[in-house]
Every structure is written in C-alpha cells, then in structure tokens.
Protein backbone atom coordinates (compact mmCIF):
# COMPACT_ATOMS: atom_id res chain seq x y z
CA MET A 1 -19.05 -26.75 -9.28
CA THR A 2 -19.97 -27.65 -5.93
CA VAL A 3 -22.84 -25.47 -6.10
CA SER A 4 -24.02 -26.75 -9.50
CA ASP A 5 -24.15 -23.38 -11.01
CA PRO A 6 -21.80 -23.21 -14.16
CA GLY A 7 -22.98 -19.64 -14.37
CA GLN A 8 -20.81 -18.66 -11.51
CA VAL A 9 -17.53 -19.37 -13.44
CA PRO A 10 -17.38 -16.03 -15.35
CA ARG A 11 -18.47 -14.04 -12.13
CA LEU A 12 -15.43 -15.67 -10.35
CA ILE A 13 -13.11 -15.08 -13.32
CA GLY A 14 -13.96 -11.40 -12.99
CA VAL A 15 -13.43 -11.47 -9.32
CA ALA A 16 -10.00 -12.95 -9.78
CA LEU A 17 -9.05 -10.43 -12.51
CA ALA A 18 -9.64 -7.55 -10.25
CA TYR A 19 -6.28 -8.59 -8.46
CA LEU A 20 -4.41 -8.56 -11.77
CA PRO A 21 -2.92 -4.92 -11.69
CA ALA A 22 -1.77 -5.63 -8.21
CA VAL A 23 0.08 -8.60 -9.56
CA TRP A 24 1.35 -6.52 -12.49
CA LEU A 25 2.83 -4.12 -9.99
CA ILE A 26 4.83 -6.71 -8.32
CA ILE A 27 5.91 -7.71 -11.74
CA ALA A 28 6.89 -4.28 -12.54
CA VAL A 29 8.93 -3.76 -9.33
CA THR A 30 11.02 -6.85 -10.37
CA VAL A 31 11.52 -5.25 -13.90
CA LEU A 32 12.50 -2.05 -12.39
CA VAL A 33 15.12 -3.78 -9.88
CA LEU A 34 16.15 -6.03 -12.59
CA GLY A 35 16.99 -2.87 -14.87
CA TRP A 36 18.82 -0.79 -12.32
CA VAL A 37 20.22 -3.36 -9.81
CA PRO A 38 20.66 -6.53 -11.33
CA ARG A 39 22.65 -8.51 -9.30
CA PRO A 40 20.31 -8.41 -6.13
CA ALA A 41 17.23 -8.37 -8.31
CA ALA A 42 15.99 -12.00 -7.62
CA ALA A 43 16.32 -11.92 -3.89
CA LEU A 44 14.36 -8.13 -3.73
CA ALA A 45 11.85 -9.54 -6.11
CA TRP A 46 11.27 -12.38 -3.65
CA VAL A 47 11.23 -9.82 -0.67
CA VAL A 48 8.26 -7.78 -2.35
CA VAL A 49 6.32 -11.01 -3.10
CA ALA A 50 7.04 -12.32 0.49
CA TYR A 51 6.22 -8.90 2.04
CA CYS A 52 2.79 -8.77 0.16
CA ALA A 53 2.08 -12.40 1.27
CA VAL A 54 2.74 -11.58 4.97
CA VAL A 55 0.98 -8.35 4.98
CA THR A 56 -2.22 -9.76 3.02
CA LEU A 57 -2.49 -12.88 5.31
CA PHE A 58 -0.95 -11.79 8.76
CA ALA A 59 -1.28 -8.04 9.30
CA ASP A 60 -4.01 -8.33 11.56
CA SER A 61 -2.68 -11.25 13.54
CA PHE A 62 0.63 -9.62 14.22
CA ASP A 63 -1.04 -6.16 14.75
CA LEU A 64 0.91 -4.47 12.28
CA PRO A 65 0.81 -0.73 11.80
CA GLY A 66 -1.62 0.71 8.93
CA TRP A 67 1.05 1.90 6.67
CA THR A 68 2.55 -1.59 6.42
CA GLN A 69 -0.70 -2.72 5.04
CA ARG A 70 -1.22 0.18 2.68
CA ALA A 71 2.18 -0.47 1.12
CA SER A 72 0.89 -3.46 -0.15
CA PRO A 73 -0.90 -3.20 -3.59
CA PHE A 74 -3.48 -5.60 -2.47
CA ALA A 75 -4.76 -3.45 0.08
CA HIS A 76 -5.82 -0.83 -2.49
CA THR A 77 -7.56 -3.63 -4.74
CA PRO A 78 -11.39 -3.71 -4.17
CA ARG A 79 -12.58 -6.87 -2.51
CA VAL A 80 -14.89 -8.03 -4.91
CA PRO A 81 -17.53 -9.57 -4.44
CA LEU A 82 -17.87 -8.38 -0.89
CA ASP A 83 -17.38 -4.83 -2.07
CA ASP A 84 -18.37 -2.87 -5.10
CA LEU A 85 -15.96 -2.83 -7.93
CA ALA A 86 -13.96 0.32 -7.79
CA VAL A 87 -12.08 1.07 -11.16
CA THR A 88 -10.09 4.07 -10.05
CA PRO A 89 -7.71 2.12 -7.55
CA LEU A 90 -7.23 -0.50 -10.18
CA LEU A 91 -6.28 2.34 -13.05
CA VAL A 92 -3.94 3.83 -10.59
CA ILE A 93 -2.13 0.58 -9.83
CA ALA A 94 -2.09 -0.23 -13.29
CA LEU A 95 -0.67 3.29 -14.20
CA LEU A 96 2.06 2.72 -11.59
CA ALA A 97 3.12 -0.47 -12.83
CA ALA A 98 3.34 0.75 -16.53
CA ALA A 99 5.67 3.51 -15.19
CA LEU A 100 7.75 1.37 -13.36
CA VAL A 101 8.05 -1.25 -16.41
CA ALA A 102 9.08 1.78 -18.57
CA ALA A 103 11.82 2.82 -15.69
CA GLY A 104 13.08 -0.66 -15.77
CA TYR A 105 13.15 -0.99 -19.39
CA ALA A 106 15.14 2.39 -19.38
CA GLY A 107 17.57 0.73 -16.77
CA LEU A 108 18.13 -2.00 -18.94
CA ARG A 109 18.69 0.07 -22.29
CA ARG A 110 21.57 1.82 -20.35
CA ARG A 111 23.47 -1.38 -19.89
CA ASP A 112 25.80 -2.63 -22.64
CA ILE A 113 24.25 -5.93 -23.10
CA GLY A 114 24.96 -7.65 -26.31
CA SER A 115 27.14 -5.16 -27.98
C-alpha cells in the first residue's frame, strides 16, 4: 500500500505462504506431544515456539552453533523473495509434519477418552 502498487499484495501473500509448512511442523509437534504425553503438552508446545523464535531472531547475536539453527524448521524454509523458491525443502517439511500429526493421532487413539 505504501508503494501504491496493489499488484504486490498477491506476491507478498505467496511469500508468506512459503513459511506455512514450517508453521504446520510446529503444530504437528504439538499434536504429537499432546497425543503421547498430554500433561506437559502445553508447556512443551510453547518451548518449541519459543525455541524457533529465539533461534530465528537471535542465533547470530548469541553466536549459537549451526546445529541449533538447523533444528528450527524456519532455517530450511527458502527466504523468498531474496532467494528462489525451492519446493523440495517445503515438501519435506510438510511430509514430516503429516507424519508427526499421524503419530500424534495414533497416540490420541490409544487413550481411553470418552468410553
């Protein structure tokens, strides 16, 4: 809106959607934890969110090792529009998220809820 070019809106929506699989992976970790260890699930879910936020925002400032950055799904997300869109990492993250959701659902199914 500030550049008076409404044609940028669809492009920026596409850029934002590139981060969607990483968000799905965080949600999938929450589903997995909720399915298998429900008591600390909320705390563990927030730990994952906080970890990703701290690593994404402050990894260089804190001089964290490379493995800490690579543990965040946002490190594997292409930085569009600065870089070209790479579909392979997004598919891998999305497939990993689907597998974790399935595992979390299996954990929920093993519990005797509502019977």
